[in-house]
Amino acid sequence: MEVWLSDLGIDPEFASKETVTRAKGEFETYQLAKRTETERLIQGAALTPNLGKMFAGLRACPSEIKEVAYRQALKICKGENLVVILAVLAGESVDVIQSCSRYQR
């Protein structure tokens, strides 16, 4: 959030409360849009034969992205694709695995 404000040229110490509140609202809208787009991407990727390669490629991504991707995949994958997702997830950090194990089907 601080980087977002800085990029907009807003210093929370000196900006009006309304300006900071508006910027925070825009930030939250932006974050929601990114998350929604990531979920849609994962839904499409879950239907491809290269699912394992795509998820293996997530290893360099931040944990937040991995968690969104794995949770979405665990919700929609079935059969062989679910086995592929679980196999790739097994190679992730304990924190990512624990976070993804709390998903709701």
C-alpha atoms as a PDB file:
ATOM      1  CA  MET A   1       0.000   0.000   0.000  1.00  0.00           C
ATOM      2  CA  GLU A   2       2.836   2.384   0.837  1.00  0.00           C
ATOM      3  CA  VAL A   3       4.412   1.824  -2.594  1.00  0.00           C
ATOM      4  CA  TRP A   4       1.020   2.456  -4.220  1.00  0.00           C
ATOM      5  CA  LEU A   5       0.688   5.789  -2.403  1.00  0.00           C
ATOM      6  CA  SER A   6       4.265   6.709  -3.248  1.00  0.00           C
ATOM      7  CA  ASP A   7       3.709   5.898  -6.933  1.00  0.00           C
ATOM      8  CA  LEU A   8       0.722   8.244  -6.881  1.00  0.00           C
ATOM      9  CA  GLY A   9       2.843  10.940  -5.241  1.00  0.00           C
ATOM     10  CA  ILE A  10       0.834  10.806  -2.029  1.00  0.00           C
ATOM     11  CA  ASP A  11       2.560  11.186   1.313  1.00  0.00           C
ATOM     12  CA  PRO A  12       0.095   9.881   3.933  1.00  0.00           C
ATOM     13  CA  GLU A  13       1.600  12.158   6.583  1.00  0.00           C
ATOM     14  CA  PHE A  14       0.766  15.305   4.652  1.00  0.00           C
ATOM     15  CA  ALA A  15      -2.141  14.329   2.378  1.00  0.00           C
ATOM     16  CA  SER A  16      -5.745  14.921   3.346  1.00  0.00           C
ATOM     17  CA  LYS A  17      -7.688  12.053   4.857  1.00  0.00           C
ATOM     18  CA  GLU A  18     -10.007  12.032   1.825  1.00  0.00           C
ATOM     19  CA  THR A  19      -7.068  11.683  -0.586  1.00  0.00           C
ATOM     20  CA  VAL A  20      -5.600   8.761   1.342  1.00  0.00           C
ATOM     21  CA  THR A  21      -9.016   7.094   1.684  1.00  0.00           C
ATOM     22  CA  ARG A  22      -9.660   7.450  -2.070  1.00  0.00           C
ATOM     23  CA  ALA A  23      -6.219   6.026  -2.884  1.00  0.00           C
ATOM     24  CA  LYS A  24      -6.775   3.094  -0.527  1.00  0.00           C
ATOM     25  CA  GLY A  25     -10.098   2.362  -2.220  1.00  0.00           C
ATOM     26  CA  GLU A  26      -8.423   2.417  -5.636  1.00  0.00           C
ATOM     27  CA  PHE A  27      -5.694   0.105  -4.334  1.00  0.00           C
ATOM     28  CA  GLU A  28      -8.229  -2.398  -3.016  1.00  0.00           C
ATOM     29  CA  THR A  29     -10.135  -2.317  -6.324  1.00  0.00           C
ATOM     30  CA  TYR A  30      -6.891  -2.901  -8.208  1.00  0.00           C
ATOM     31  CA  GLN A  31      -5.907  -5.817  -5.948  1.00  0.00           C
ATOM     32  CA  LEU A  32      -9.339  -7.425  -6.356  1.00  0.00           C
ATOM     33  CA  ALA A  33      -9.102  -7.105 -10.149  1.00  0.00           C
ATOM     34  CA  LYS A  34      -5.652  -8.734 -10.127  1.00  0.00           C
ATOM     35  CA  ARG A  35      -6.885 -11.595  -7.986  1.00  0.00           C
ATOM     36  CA  THR A  36      -9.956 -12.147 -10.162  1.00  0.00           C
ATOM     37  CA  GLU A  37      -7.855 -12.170 -13.331  1.00  0.00           C
ATOM     38  CA  THR A  38      -5.399 -14.631 -11.770  1.00  0.00           C
ATOM     39  CA  GLU A  39      -8.266 -16.935 -10.818  1.00  0.00           C
ATOM     40  CA  ARG A  40      -9.640 -16.814 -14.380  1.00  0.00           C
ATOM     41  CA  LEU A  41      -6.211 -17.581 -15.775  1.00  0.00           C
ATOM     42  CA  ILE A  42      -5.873 -20.588 -13.477  1.00  0.00           C
ATOM     43  CA  GLN A  43      -9.313 -21.838 -14.485  1.00  0.00           C
ATOM     44  CA  GLY A  44      -8.220 -21.801 -18.116  1.00  0.00           C
ATOM     45  CA  ALA A  45      -4.851 -23.362 -17.358  1.00  0.00           C
ATOM     46  CA  ALA A  46      -6.509 -26.178 -15.421  1.00  0.00           C
ATOM     47  CA  LEU A  47      -7.962 -27.402 -18.699  1.00  0.00           C
ATOM     48  CA  THR A  48      -4.625 -27.693 -20.509  1.00  0.00           C
ATOM     49  CA  PRO A  49      -2.374 -30.740 -20.803  1.00  0.00           C
ATOM     50  CA  ASN A  50       0.603 -28.640 -19.610  1.00  0.00           C
ATOM     51  CA  LEU A  51      -0.863 -28.017 -16.174  1.00  0.00           C
ATOM     52  CA  GLY A  52       2.107 -29.491 -14.298  1.00  0.00           C
ATOM     53  CA  LYS A  53       4.626 -27.397 -16.223  1.00  0.00           C
ATOM     54  CA  MET A  54       2.634 -24.243 -15.645  1.00  0.00           C
ATOM     55  CA  PHE A  55       2.440 -24.834 -11.904  1.00  0.00           C
ATOM     56  CA  ALA A  56       6.090 -25.841 -11.713  1.00  0.00           C
ATOM     57  CA  GLY A  57       6.810 -22.451 -13.286  1.00  0.00           C
ATOM     58  CA  LEU A  58       5.151 -20.755 -10.313  1.00  0.00           C
ATOM     59  CA  ARG A  59       8.058 -21.684  -8.043  1.00  0.00           C
ATOM     60  CA  ALA A  60       9.707 -18.298  -8.650  1.00  0.00           C
ATOM     61  CA  CYS A  61       6.494 -16.379  -7.917  1.00  0.00           C
ATOM     62  CA  PRO A  62       5.601 -14.785  -4.569  1.00  0.00           C
ATOM     63  CA  SER A  63       3.693 -16.978  -2.106  1.00  0.00           C
ATOM     64  CA  GLU A  64       0.520 -14.893  -2.491  1.00  0.00           C
ATOM     65  CA  ILE A  65       0.282 -15.720  -6.201  1.00  0.00           C
ATOM     66  CA  LYS A  66       1.033 -19.387  -5.611  1.00  0.00           C
ATOM     67  CA  GLU A  67      -1.649 -19.606  -2.941  1.00  0.00           C
ATOM     68  CA  VAL A  68      -4.295 -18.089  -5.212  1.00  0.00           C
ATOM     69  CA  ALA A  69      -3.258 -20.373  -8.061  1.00  0.00           C
ATOM     70  CA  TYR A  70      -3.159 -23.577  -6.015  1.00  0.00           C
ATOM     71  CA  ARG A  71      -6.418 -22.868  -4.207  1.00  0.00           C
ATOM     72  CA  GLN A  72      -8.206 -22.209  -7.477  1.00  0.00           C
ATOM     73  CA  ALA A  73      -6.722 -25.306  -9.088  1.00  0.00           C
ATOM     74  CA  LEU A  74      -7.630 -27.480  -6.099  1.00  0.00           C
ATOM     75  CA  LYS A  75     -11.227 -26.280  -6.398  1.00  0.00           C
ATOM     76  CA  ILE A  76     -11.652 -27.084 -10.072  1.00  0.00           C
ATOM     77  CA  CYS A  77      -9.245 -29.903 -10.937  1.00  0.00           C
ATOM     78  CA  LYS A  78     -10.405 -33.492 -10.928  1.00  0.00           C
ATOM     79  CA  GLY A  79      -8.845 -36.872 -11.560  1.00  0.00           C
ATOM     80  CA  GLU A  80      -5.415 -36.846 -13.143  1.00  0.00           C
ATOM     81  CA  ASN A  81      -5.140 -33.053 -13.066  1.00  0.00           C
ATOM     82  CA  LEU A  82      -5.766 -33.031  -9.313  1.00  0.00           C
ATOM     83  CA  VAL A  83      -2.965 -35.559  -8.846  1.00  0.00           C
ATOM     84  CA  VAL A  84      -0.643 -33.335 -10.918  1.00  0.00           C
ATOM     85  CA  ILE A  85      -1.501 -30.273  -8.804  1.00  0.00           C
ATOM     86  CA  LEU A  86      -0.953 -32.166  -5.555  1.00  0.00           C
ATOM     87  CA  ALA A  87       2.396 -33.495  -6.790  1.00  0.00           C
ATOM     88  CA  VAL A  88       3.646 -30.019  -7.694  1.00  0.00           C
ATOM     89  CA  LEU A  89       2.218 -28.531  -4.481  1.00  0.00           C
ATOM     90  CA  ALA A  90       4.172 -31.127  -2.480  1.00  0.00           C
ATOM     91  CA  GLY A  91       7.371 -29.414  -3.611  1.00  0.00           C
ATOM     92  CA  GLU A  92       6.328 -26.032  -2.210  1.00  0.00           C
ATOM     93  CA  SER A  93       7.176 -24.529   1.165  1.00  0.00           C
ATOM     94  CA  VAL A  94       5.325 -25.674   4.259  1.00  0.00           C
ATOM     95  CA  ASP A  95       3.668 -22.236   4.529  1.00  0.00           C
ATOM     96  CA  VAL A  96       2.207 -22.443   1.012  1.00  0.00           C
ATOM     97  CA  ILE A  97       1.023 -26.025   1.559  1.00  0.00           C
ATOM     98  CA  GLN A  98      -0.615 -25.176   4.882  1.00  0.00           C
ATOM     99  CA  SER A  99      -2.310 -22.114   3.424  1.00  0.00           C
ATOM    100  CA  CYS A 100      -3.675 -24.136   0.503  1.00  0.00           C
ATOM    101  CA  SER A 101      -4.845 -26.972   2.722  1.00  0.00           C
ATOM    102  CA  ARG A 102      -7.390 -24.623   4.291  1.00  0.00           C
ATOM    103  CA  TYR A 103      -9.304 -24.041   1.035  1.00  0.00           C
ATOM    104  CA  GLN A 104     -13.064 -24.451   0.796  1.00  0.00           C
ATOM    105  CA  ARG A 105     -14.495 -26.661  -1.932  1.00  0.00           C
END
